[in-house]
């Protein structure tokens, strides 16, 4: 049985779906502060609780035979991390530290962590490998890196077996679940929001970066590919103990304007843009090397084209125009 935290959220809901499709039983944990109860798969056992609530978490481990934990409950908005760093460090470091303590006290030693390419900051090299130096340039990335270091030391001293999956830019949807954040927290979701006429124009933060068209370049990865990587990581830990880090990306980059142009083609909508000043904490160019995940996890993206990500997100949003 797998405990998935943040299971009512965007990635957590689709991970839960794919785990169940693969034959796993899932305990779906979420405090519903940002997630949606209707995003939890009907065959999962849902528990509304916070990972920082030690009493509630202990009860889960005592009641259910948990074999592994996949931790996705976190604050993720870079801009908000500057406005409220306390909340980010509390929710992204202190609360999951409590989760680690509870699981180890209950003899559960397998942990998969939702990390981020934000740990690299403004990368020293492109493409970014797991060996690229980590210099976060925002509190969000710093919170993820701190928890990775905690996992390293718990693995060294407490016999924890863990994997940190460093996501690049996640987008897309499954047939049943998609992204419903208000306001939209990712580029593709924000573009879809404008295409659905829920917003007049799309803010583009900076067009003076040292890139081919002046807008930031990012590596986009389909949310279903992310879910599949978690399942591969779980299988990997059965025979590979200790702490491991893997990048999850496509190894290719699209600029913000290139993503907008692709969305115009997919949706048939004009998608007006509004140029805005740069946001703090946005690196110019971040493209991954996921070669290590391909070799070690036997994982590769099934949906590498930006059009595939946008098509799935657009289809889900049209089926759920009001979200959940």
Protein backbone atom coordinates (compact mmCIF):
# COMPACT_ATOMS: atom_id res chain seq x y z
CA UNK A 1 0.00 0.00 0.00
CA UNK A 2 1.35 3.43 -1.00
CA UNK A 3 0.77 6.64 0.96
CA UNK A 4 0.56 9.61 -1.42
CA UNK A 5 0.62 13.04 0.19
CA UNK A 6 -0.86 15.92 -1.75
CA UNK A 7 -3.08 13.36 -3.48
CA UNK A 8 -5.89 15.85 -4.13
CA UNK A 9 -3.51 18.17 -5.96
CA UNK A 10 -2.60 18.35 -9.64
CA UNK A 11 0.29 15.88 -9.85
CA UNK A 12 -0.81 13.86 -6.82
CA UNK A 13 -4.23 13.10 -8.30
CA UNK A 14 -2.72 11.75 -11.53
CA UNK A 15 -0.03 9.83 -9.67
CA UNK A 16 -2.76 8.21 -7.57
CA UNK A 17 -4.66 7.32 -10.74
CA UNK A 18 -1.63 5.69 -12.36
CA UNK A 19 -0.69 3.80 -9.20
CA UNK A 20 -4.18 2.32 -9.01
CA UNK A 21 -4.10 1.53 -12.73
CA UNK A 22 -0.84 -0.35 -12.04
CA UNK A 23 -2.43 -2.47 -9.31
CA UNK A 24 -1.29 -0.61 -6.19
CA UNK A 25 -3.52 0.25 -3.25
CA UNK A 26 -3.30 3.92 -2.31
CA UNK A 27 -3.93 5.92 0.85
CA UNK A 28 -4.51 9.44 -0.45
CA UNK A 29 -3.60 12.17 2.05
CA UNK A 30 -4.39 15.86 1.56
CA UNK A 31 -5.38 18.78 3.80
CA UNK A 32 -7.46 20.25 0.91
CA UNK A 33 -5.95 23.70 1.38
CA UNK A 34 -5.12 23.74 -2.35
CA UNK A 35 -6.37 20.37 -3.56
CA UNK A 36 -9.85 19.16 -4.44
CA UNK A 37 -11.69 16.26 -2.86
CA UNK A 38 -13.22 15.34 -6.23
CA UNK A 39 -9.71 15.00 -7.71
CA UNK A 40 -9.05 11.93 -5.56
CA UNK A 41 -9.49 8.62 -7.36
CA UNK A 42 -12.62 6.78 -6.25
CA UNK A 43 -10.65 3.62 -5.44
CA UNK A 44 -8.16 5.38 -3.16
CA UNK A 45 -8.63 5.56 0.61
CA UNK A 46 -8.87 9.30 1.28
CA UNK A 47 -7.75 10.91 4.54
CA UNK A 48 -8.04 14.64 5.13
CA UNK A 49 -5.07 15.63 7.28
CA UNK A 50 -1.88 17.68 7.24
CA UNK A 51 1.55 16.04 7.03
CA UNK A 52 2.60 18.26 9.93
CA UNK A 53 -0.04 16.72 12.22
CA UNK A 54 1.97 14.03 14.00
CA UNK A 55 -1.00 12.40 15.69
CA UNK A 56 -2.94 12.06 12.43
CA UNK A 57 0.06 10.74 10.51
CA UNK A 58 0.89 8.18 13.18
CA UNK A 59 -2.67 6.89 13.06
CA UNK A 60 -2.34 6.28 9.32
CA UNK A 61 0.78 4.15 9.75
CA UNK A 62 -0.79 2.25 12.62
CA UNK A 63 -4.05 1.57 10.75
CA UNK A 64 -2.73 0.76 7.27
CA UNK A 65 0.13 -1.42 6.10
CA UNK A 66 2.09 1.30 4.31
CA UNK A 67 4.98 0.01 2.20
CA UNK A 68 6.18 3.34 0.78
CA UNK A 69 5.51 7.07 0.91
CA UNK A 70 5.35 9.38 -2.10
CA UNK A 71 5.50 12.94 -0.84
CA UNK A 72 3.98 15.61 -3.10
CA UNK A 73 2.33 17.93 -0.57
CA UNK A 74 4.15 21.27 -0.87
CA UNK A 75 3.85 24.94 -1.67
CA UNK A 76 5.16 25.56 -5.18
CA UNK A 77 4.55 29.12 -6.40
CA UNK A 78 7.93 30.83 -6.79
CA UNK A 79 6.54 34.38 -6.63
CA UNK A 80 4.65 33.65 -3.41
CA UNK A 81 7.76 32.10 -1.87
CA UNK A 82 9.32 35.58 -1.80
CA UNK A 83 6.23 37.09 -0.18
CA UNK A 84 5.94 34.42 2.52
CA UNK A 85 9.18 32.44 2.92
CA UNK A 86 8.16 31.31 6.42
CA UNK A 87 5.19 29.40 5.02
CA UNK A 88 7.33 27.79 2.33
CA UNK A 89 10.02 26.58 4.71
CA UNK A 90 7.47 25.39 7.25
CA UNK A 91 5.31 23.51 4.73
CA UNK A 92 8.18 22.23 2.58
CA UNK A 93 10.73 21.37 5.27
CA UNK A 94 9.29 21.23 8.80
CA UNK A 95 6.06 19.38 7.96
CA UNK A 96 7.62 16.61 5.84
CA UNK A 97 10.33 16.20 8.48
CA UNK A 98 7.51 15.18 10.80
CA UNK A 99 6.29 12.77 8.11
CA UNK A 100 9.75 11.17 7.89
CA UNK A 101 9.91 10.77 11.65
CA UNK A 102 6.49 9.08 11.78
CA UNK A 103 7.19 6.67 8.94
CA UNK A 104 10.54 5.55 10.35
CA UNK A 105 9.05 5.05 13.81
CA UNK A 106 6.52 2.77 12.15
CA UNK A 107 9.21 0.82 10.23
CA UNK A 108 8.47 2.25 6.78
CA UNK A 109 11.76 2.94 5.01
CA UNK A 110 10.87 3.80 1.37
CA UNK A 111 10.34 7.45 0.43
CA UNK A 112 9.95 9.19 -2.95
CA UNK A 113 10.22 12.96 -2.86
CA UNK A 114 8.75 15.47 -5.27
CA UNK A 115 11.68 17.84 -5.78
CA UNK A 116 12.27 20.49 -8.43
CA UNK A 117 14.67 21.85 -11.03
CA UNK A 118 14.45 25.06 -8.98
CA UNK A 119 17.31 23.64 -6.86
CA UNK A 120 19.69 24.51 -9.74
CA UNK A 121 18.82 28.21 -9.82
CA UNK A 122 20.51 29.86 -12.82
CA UNK A 123 22.24 26.69 -14.05
CA UNK A 124 26.00 26.69 -14.57
CA UNK A 125 25.52 24.45 -17.62
CA UNK A 126 22.91 23.45 -20.17
CA UNK A 127 21.61 20.77 -20.25
CA UNK A 128 21.35 20.40 -16.49
CA UNK A 129 22.49 17.07 -15.06
CA UNK A 130 22.23 15.77 -11.51
CA UNK A 131 25.90 16.78 -11.09
CA UNK A 132 25.24 20.42 -11.98
CA UNK A 133 25.90 22.66 -8.93
CA UNK A 134 22.79 23.61 -6.96
CA UNK A 135 22.37 27.33 -6.28
CA UNK A 136 18.68 28.11 -5.72
CA UNK A 137 17.67 31.70 -6.43
CA UNK A 138 14.29 31.62 -4.67
CA UNK A 139 12.94 30.33 -1.35
CA UNK A 140 10.96 27.61 -3.12
CA UNK A 141 14.06 26.05 -4.67
CA UNK A 142 15.96 26.43 -1.40
CA UNK A 143 13.22 24.61 0.52
CA UNK A 144 13.42 21.67 -1.89
CA UNK A 145 17.21 21.51 -1.67
CA UNK A 146 17.15 21.61 2.13
CA UNK A 147 14.81 18.64 2.23
CA UNK A 148 16.97 16.72 -0.24
CA UNK A 149 19.88 17.20 2.17
CA UNK A 150 17.71 15.92 5.01
CA UNK A 151 16.96 12.81 2.95
CA UNK A 152 20.68 12.31 2.34
CA UNK A 153 21.44 12.36 6.06
CA UNK A 154 18.46 10.21 7.01
CA UNK A 155 19.58 7.70 4.41
CA UNK A 156 23.09 7.72 5.87
CA UNK A 157 22.06 7.44 9.51
CA UNK A 158 18.54 5.97 9.66
CA UNK A 159 18.50 3.32 6.90
CA UNK A 160 16.07 5.33 4.83
CA UNK A 161 15.82 4.43 1.14
CA UNK A 162 14.79 7.49 -0.85
CA UNK A 163 14.67 9.08 -4.27
CA UNK A 164 14.36 12.78 -5.04
CA UNK A 165 12.78 13.38 -8.43
CA UNK A 166 13.72 16.82 -9.72
CA UNK A 167 10.81 17.83 -11.94
CA UNK A 168 11.24 20.39 -14.64
CA UNK A 169 8.06 22.18 -15.86
CA UNK A 170 5.07 19.87 -15.49
CA UNK A 171 2.06 20.30 -17.78
CA UNK A 172 -0.79 18.38 -19.37
CA UNK A 173 -3.56 16.19 -17.97
CA UNK A 174 -4.78 12.62 -17.91
CA UNK A 175 -8.17 11.60 -19.24
CA UNK A 176 -9.71 12.05 -15.78
CA UNK A 177 -7.66 14.58 -13.84
CA UNK A 178 -6.01 17.92 -14.57
CA UNK A 179 -4.74 21.17 -13.14
CA UNK A 180 -7.22 23.40 -11.29
CA UNK A 181 -5.35 26.12 -9.41
CA UNK A 182 -6.89 29.55 -8.92
CA UNK A 183 -4.99 31.53 -9.95
CA UNK A 184 -3.22 29.27 -12.44
CA UNK A 185 0.26 28.42 -11.16
CA UNK A 186 1.93 27.06 -14.32
CA UNK A 187 2.46 28.56 -17.77
CA UNK A 188 0.36 26.04 -19.71
CA UNK A 189 -2.53 26.31 -17.22
CA UNK A 190 -2.38 30.11 -17.46
CA UNK A 191 -2.43 29.92 -21.26
CA UNK A 192 -5.43 27.57 -21.19
CA UNK A 193 -7.17 29.99 -18.83
CA UNK A 194 -6.89 32.78 -21.41
CA UNK A 195 -7.91 30.44 -24.24
CA UNK A 196 -11.05 29.58 -22.24
CA UNK A 197 -11.82 33.33 -22.06
CA UNK A 198 -11.48 33.33 -18.29
CA UNK A 199 -8.86 36.06 -18.53
CA UNK A 200 -8.33 38.87 -21.06
CA UNK A 201 -4.61 38.38 -21.66
CA UNK A 202 -1.62 36.35 -20.59
CA UNK A 203 1.15 38.14 -18.66
CA UNK A 204 4.60 37.44 -20.10
CA UNK A 205 7.20 38.27 -17.46
CA UNK A 206 10.20 39.66 -19.29
CA UNK A 207 11.16 39.65 -22.96
CA UNK A 208 14.76 40.82 -22.53
CA UNK A 209 16.43 37.58 -21.42
CA UNK A 210 19.48 36.30 -23.27
CA UNK A 211 17.44 33.72 -25.21
CA UNK A 212 16.42 33.31 -28.85
CA UNK A 213 13.29 35.46 -28.52
CA UNK A 214 13.96 37.23 -25.20
CA UNK A 215 11.54 35.11 -23.13
CA UNK A 216 12.51 32.40 -20.67
CA UNK A 217 13.21 28.90 -21.97
CA UNK A 218 11.93 25.91 -20.05
CA UNK A 219 11.89 22.12 -20.33
CA UNK A 220 8.29 20.85 -20.21
CA UNK A 221 7.35 17.35 -19.09
CA UNK A 222 3.93 15.67 -19.27
CA UNK A 223 2.30 14.99 -15.91
CA UNK A 224 1.59 11.37 -16.92
CA UNK A 225 5.31 10.90 -17.60
CA UNK A 226 6.00 12.27 -14.12
CA UNK A 227 3.55 9.77 -12.61
CA UNK A 228 5.14 6.90 -14.51
CA UNK A 229 8.57 7.94 -13.23
CA UNK A 230 7.34 7.62 -9.63
CA UNK A 231 6.30 4.04 -10.26
CA UNK A 232 9.67 3.30 -11.87
CA UNK A 233 11.39 4.90 -8.86
CA UNK A 234 9.44 2.69 -6.46
CA UNK A 235 10.54 -0.39 -8.37
CA UNK A 236 14.15 0.85 -8.44
CA UNK A 237 14.31 1.15 -4.64
CA UNK A 238 13.49 -2.52 -4.22
CA UNK A 239 17.04 -3.40 -5.25
CA UNK A 240 18.92 -0.09 -4.96
CA UNK A 241 19.16 1.10 -1.38
CA UNK A 242 20.26 4.50 -0.13
CA UNK A 243 19.50 7.96 -1.50
CA UNK A 244 19.29 8.77 -5.22
CA UNK A 245 18.50 11.86 -7.31
CA UNK A 246 17.03 11.90 -10.82
CA UNK A 247 16.09 14.71 -13.18
CA UNK A 248 12.75 14.39 -14.96
CA UNK A 249 12.54 16.38 -18.18
CA UNK A 250 12.43 16.06 -21.94
CA UNK A 251 15.92 17.34 -22.65
CA UNK A 252 14.52 20.02 -24.94
CA UNK A 253 13.45 23.59 -24.31
CA UNK A 254 10.67 25.90 -25.44
CA UNK A 255 10.53 29.63 -24.87
CA UNK A 256 7.44 31.19 -23.30
CA UNK A 257 6.46 32.65 -26.70
CA UNK A 258 7.00 29.30 -28.42
CA UNK A 259 4.63 27.65 -25.94
CA UNK A 260 2.06 30.39 -26.58
CA UNK A 261 2.36 29.91 -30.35
CA UNK A 262 1.91 26.14 -29.94
CA UNK A 263 -1.19 26.77 -27.81
CA UNK A 264 -2.61 29.07 -30.47
CA UNK A 265 -2.25 26.26 -33.01
CA UNK A 266 -3.80 23.63 -30.72
CA UNK A 267 -6.72 25.70 -29.42
CA UNK A 268 -7.40 27.91 -32.41
CA UNK A 269 -7.57 30.86 -30.04
CA UNK A 270 -5.69 34.16 -30.37
CA UNK A 271 -4.39 34.17 -26.73
CA UNK A 272 -3.48 37.87 -26.32
CA UNK A 273 -0.35 38.58 -24.27
CA UNK A 274 0.65 41.47 -22.02
CA UNK A 275 4.34 42.15 -21.55
CA UNK A 276 5.28 42.65 -17.89
CA UNK A 277 8.55 43.22 -16.01
CA UNK A 278 10.65 40.21 -15.05
CA UNK A 279 9.67 38.34 -11.90
CA UNK A 280 12.26 37.78 -9.19
CA UNK A 281 13.71 34.28 -9.11
CA UNK A 282 13.15 33.38 -12.77
CA UNK A 283 16.27 31.95 -14.47
CA UNK A 284 16.61 32.58 -18.21
CA UNK A 285 17.21 29.05 -19.47
CA UNK A 286 16.66 25.67 -17.79
CA UNK A 287 16.82 22.46 -19.86
CA UNK A 288 17.34 19.03 -18.35
CA UNK A 289 19.39 16.00 -19.02
CA UNK A 290 17.30 13.02 -17.93
CA UNK A 291 19.89 10.53 -19.18
CA UNK A 292 20.44 9.09 -15.69
CA UNK A 293 16.71 8.35 -15.27
CA UNK A 294 16.70 6.67 -18.67
CA UNK A 295 19.62 4.44 -17.71
CA UNK A 296 18.82 3.68 -14.07
CA UNK A 297 15.02 3.84 -13.98
CA UNK A 298 14.42 2.66 -17.54
CA UNK A 299 12.20 5.73 -17.92
CA UNK A 300 11.67 8.01 -20.86
CA UNK A 301 8.94 10.52 -21.72
CA UNK A 302 6.04 9.09 -23.71
CA UNK A 303 4.70 12.55 -24.58
CA UNK A 304 7.73 14.69 -25.49
CA UNK A 305 6.08 17.24 -27.80
CA UNK A 306 4.77 20.50 -26.36
CA UNK A 307 1.62 20.09 -28.47
CA UNK A 308 0.82 16.81 -26.66
CA UNK A 309 0.95 18.54 -23.28
CA UNK A 310 -1.25 21.40 -24.43
CA UNK A 311 -3.74 19.12 -26.22
CA UNK A 312 -4.32 17.02 -23.09
CA UNK A 313 -4.67 20.09 -20.85
CA UNK A 314 -7.03 21.74 -23.36
CA UNK A 315 -9.17 18.61 -23.67
CA UNK A 316 -9.45 18.22 -19.88
CA UNK A 317 -10.34 21.88 -19.38
CA UNK A 318 -13.07 21.69 -22.03
CA UNK A 319 -14.53 18.68 -20.23
CA UNK A 320 -14.29 20.57 -16.92
CA UNK A 321 -14.78 24.26 -17.80
CA UNK A 322 -15.30 25.20 -14.15
CA UNK A 323 -12.53 22.92 -12.90
CA UNK A 324 -13.39 20.56 -10.07
